[in-house]
């Protein structure tokens, strides 16, 4: 009231709890020493997208509507596949969930959003064993033959999963 009358200078905002999104995401990624290099790469993509869309905004000023706009932007402006949009939204949700758990924000605007389907039936094909056997015969070396056999007969996702395996596996 005194500041409104011009008797004192207005208080400067001392909102120490305002958490910069870009800084928080960077720190989150650095804390995650438990994830594999491929997951770290994906987190870097999500960080880049969040930075491009939200800039240096504070996490507490991002609304559910902003989260919906971000999802739409990923699909239309960035032209990402629905499965990729869904995965990036899951990570964005995780970033905000972590901030919520640390009591840095009071709500997660990404929580409970309806995500696009994570699968694309148009890309699914049945490849007969005969075709795989023919392809295996034409592989340049034993490693390629093994990768192809593991992907077809064991359901191992190539290239991410075989290179994470150890001899004990």
Protein backbone atom coordinates (compact mmCIF):
# COMPACT_ATOMS: atom_id res chain seq x y z
CA UNK A 1 0.00 0.00 0.00
CA UNK A 2 2.85 2.36 0.81
CA UNK A 3 4.49 1.69 -2.57
CA UNK A 4 1.18 2.32 -4.37
CA UNK A 5 1.07 5.77 -2.76
CA UNK A 6 4.68 6.47 -3.74
CA UNK A 7 5.92 6.64 -0.15
CA UNK A 8 8.42 3.77 -0.61
CA UNK A 9 10.00 1.99 -3.52
CA UNK A 10 8.16 -1.17 -4.60
CA UNK A 11 9.62 -4.47 -3.47
CA UNK A 12 11.71 -6.29 -5.99
CA UNK A 13 10.59 -9.80 -6.74
CA UNK A 14 12.50 -12.27 -4.65
CA UNK A 15 10.95 -15.34 -6.18
CA UNK A 16 13.90 -17.64 -5.57
CA UNK A 17 11.72 -20.64 -6.40
CA UNK A 18 11.35 -19.66 -10.07
CA UNK A 19 13.09 -22.49 -11.89
CA UNK A 20 14.48 -21.88 -15.36
CA UNK A 21 13.36 -24.75 -17.61
CA UNK A 22 16.54 -24.91 -19.70
CA UNK A 23 18.81 -24.94 -16.65
CA UNK A 24 16.69 -27.53 -14.85
CA UNK A 25 16.60 -29.91 -17.84
CA UNK A 26 20.39 -29.60 -18.28
CA UNK A 27 20.92 -30.41 -14.57
CA UNK A 28 18.44 -33.29 -14.75
CA UNK A 29 20.35 -34.86 -17.64
CA UNK A 30 23.64 -34.44 -15.79
CA UNK A 31 22.14 -36.13 -12.69
CA UNK A 32 20.99 -39.15 -14.69
CA UNK A 33 24.17 -41.21 -14.51
CA UNK A 34 22.06 -44.36 -14.67
CA UNK A 35 20.99 -44.09 -18.31
CA UNK A 36 22.61 -45.52 -21.41
CA UNK A 37 24.29 -43.35 -24.05
CA UNK A 38 21.40 -43.84 -26.50
CA UNK A 39 18.90 -42.58 -23.90
CA UNK A 40 21.18 -39.64 -23.14
CA UNK A 41 21.10 -38.77 -26.85
CA UNK A 42 17.28 -38.84 -26.81
CA UNK A 43 17.26 -36.58 -23.74
CA UNK A 44 19.45 -34.15 -25.66
CA UNK A 45 16.84 -34.03 -28.44
CA UNK A 46 14.08 -33.34 -25.91
CA UNK A 47 16.20 -30.63 -24.28
CA UNK A 48 16.77 -29.00 -27.68
CA UNK A 49 13.03 -29.09 -28.46
CA UNK A 50 12.01 -27.66 -25.08
CA UNK A 51 14.61 -24.91 -25.39
CA UNK A 52 13.51 -24.02 -28.93
CA UNK A 53 9.84 -23.89 -27.97
CA UNK A 54 9.85 -22.44 -24.45
CA UNK A 55 13.13 -20.52 -24.43
CA UNK A 56 14.27 -19.46 -20.97
CA UNK A 57 10.83 -19.52 -19.35
CA UNK A 58 10.31 -20.49 -15.75
CA UNK A 59 8.84 -23.97 -15.25
CA UNK A 60 6.03 -22.66 -13.04
CA UNK A 61 4.68 -20.37 -15.77
CA UNK A 62 4.20 -23.19 -18.31
CA UNK A 63 0.54 -24.21 -18.51
CA UNK A 64 -1.33 -27.28 -19.70
CA UNK A 65 -2.22 -25.28 -22.82
CA UNK A 66 1.47 -24.60 -23.42
CA UNK A 67 2.18 -28.33 -23.11
CA UNK A 68 -0.54 -29.08 -25.69
CA UNK A 69 0.93 -26.41 -27.99
CA UNK A 70 4.38 -27.98 -27.56
CA UNK A 71 3.04 -31.41 -28.55
CA UNK A 72 1.33 -29.90 -31.59
CA UNK A 73 4.54 -28.04 -32.51
CA UNK A 74 6.55 -31.27 -32.38
CA UNK A 75 4.12 -32.93 -34.77
CA UNK A 76 3.53 -30.07 -37.21
CA UNK A 77 6.51 -27.72 -37.16
CA UNK A 78 9.15 -30.30 -36.37
CA UNK A 79 7.35 -32.96 -38.46
CA UNK A 80 8.11 -35.76 -36.00
CA UNK A 81 6.38 -39.13 -36.21
CA UNK A 82 3.63 -39.78 -33.63
CA UNK A 83 5.80 -42.32 -31.79
CA UNK A 84 8.65 -39.79 -31.54
CA UNK A 85 6.26 -37.09 -30.31
CA UNK A 86 4.93 -39.49 -27.67
CA UNK A 87 8.44 -40.38 -26.44
CA UNK A 88 9.51 -36.73 -26.23
CA UNK A 89 6.33 -35.86 -24.35
CA UNK A 90 7.02 -38.71 -21.92
CA UNK A 91 10.45 -37.27 -21.19
CA UNK A 92 9.04 -33.73 -20.82
CA UNK A 93 6.56 -35.18 -18.32
CA UNK A 94 9.45 -36.84 -16.47
CA UNK A 95 11.39 -33.55 -16.26
CA UNK A 96 8.41 -31.78 -14.71
CA UNK A 97 7.66 -34.76 -12.44
CA UNK A 98 11.20 -34.56 -11.10
CA UNK A 99 10.83 -30.82 -10.44
CA UNK A 100 7.51 -31.53 -8.72
CA UNK A 101 9.13 -34.24 -6.55
CA UNK A 102 11.83 -31.76 -5.56
CA UNK A 103 9.08 -29.28 -4.63
CA UNK A 104 10.37 -26.71 -7.11
CA UNK A 105 6.98 -26.42 -8.85
CA UNK A 106 3.43 -27.06 -7.68
CA UNK A 107 2.00 -28.81 -10.76
CA UNK A 108 3.06 -30.77 -13.82
CA UNK A 109 1.36 -29.35 -16.93
CA UNK A 110 2.40 -32.41 -18.96
CA UNK A 111 0.77 -34.88 -16.55
CA UNK A 112 -2.23 -36.80 -17.87
CA UNK A 113 -1.97 -35.61 -21.47
CA UNK A 114 -3.35 -37.83 -24.18
CA UNK A 115 -0.34 -38.80 -26.28
CA UNK A 116 -0.26 -39.92 -29.90
CA UNK A 117 0.00 -43.67 -30.52
CA UNK A 118 3.50 -45.03 -30.02
CA UNK A 119 3.20 -47.53 -32.86
CA UNK A 120 2.72 -47.10 -36.57
CA UNK A 121 0.89 -50.07 -38.10
CA UNK A 122 1.74 -48.83 -41.61
CA UNK A 123 5.40 -49.58 -40.92
CA UNK A 124 4.83 -53.12 -39.68
CA UNK A 125 5.65 -55.93 -42.08
CA UNK A 126 5.85 -59.67 -41.70
CA UNK A 127 9.13 -60.93 -43.09
CA UNK A 128 9.05 -64.68 -43.81
CA UNK A 129 11.89 -66.81 -42.47
CA UNK A 130 12.83 -67.80 -46.04
CA UNK A 131 13.52 -64.16 -46.90
CA UNK A 132 15.67 -63.72 -43.79
CA UNK A 133 17.62 -66.89 -44.54
CA UNK A 134 18.33 -65.60 -48.03
CA UNK A 135 19.44 -62.24 -46.63
CA UNK A 136 21.67 -63.97 -44.04
CA UNK A 137 23.45 -65.83 -46.85
CA UNK A 138 24.34 -62.49 -48.45
CA UNK A 139 25.60 -60.76 -45.31
CA UNK A 140 29.24 -59.62 -45.55
CA UNK A 141 30.43 -61.31 -42.33
CA UNK A 142 29.41 -63.33 -39.28
CA UNK A 143 28.57 -60.23 -37.21
CA UNK A 144 26.03 -59.04 -39.78
CA UNK A 145 24.55 -62.55 -39.99
CA UNK A 146 24.23 -62.66 -36.21
CA UNK A 147 22.59 -59.22 -36.06
CA UNK A 148 20.05 -60.16 -38.70
CA UNK A 149 19.27 -63.51 -37.06
CA UNK A 150 18.93 -61.91 -33.61
CA UNK A 151 16.56 -59.25 -34.92
CA UNK A 152 14.34 -61.72 -36.80
CA UNK A 153 14.33 -64.73 -34.50
CA UNK A 154 14.90 -63.18 -31.06
CA UNK A 155 13.15 -59.84 -31.49
CA UNK A 156 16.28 -57.90 -30.60
CA UNK A 157 16.01 -54.26 -31.73
CA UNK A 158 18.94 -53.35 -33.95
CA UNK A 159 21.16 -51.36 -33.55
CA UNK A 160 20.44 -50.31 -29.95
CA UNK A 161 20.05 -53.60 -28.11
CA UNK A 162 22.80 -55.89 -29.49
CA UNK A 163 25.51 -53.41 -28.59
CA UNK A 164 24.29 -53.27 -25.00
CA UNK A 165 24.59 -57.04 -24.56
CA UNK A 166 27.41 -58.68 -22.61
CA UNK A 167 28.82 -62.19 -23.10
CA UNK A 168 26.82 -63.34 -20.06
CA UNK A 169 23.60 -62.44 -21.90
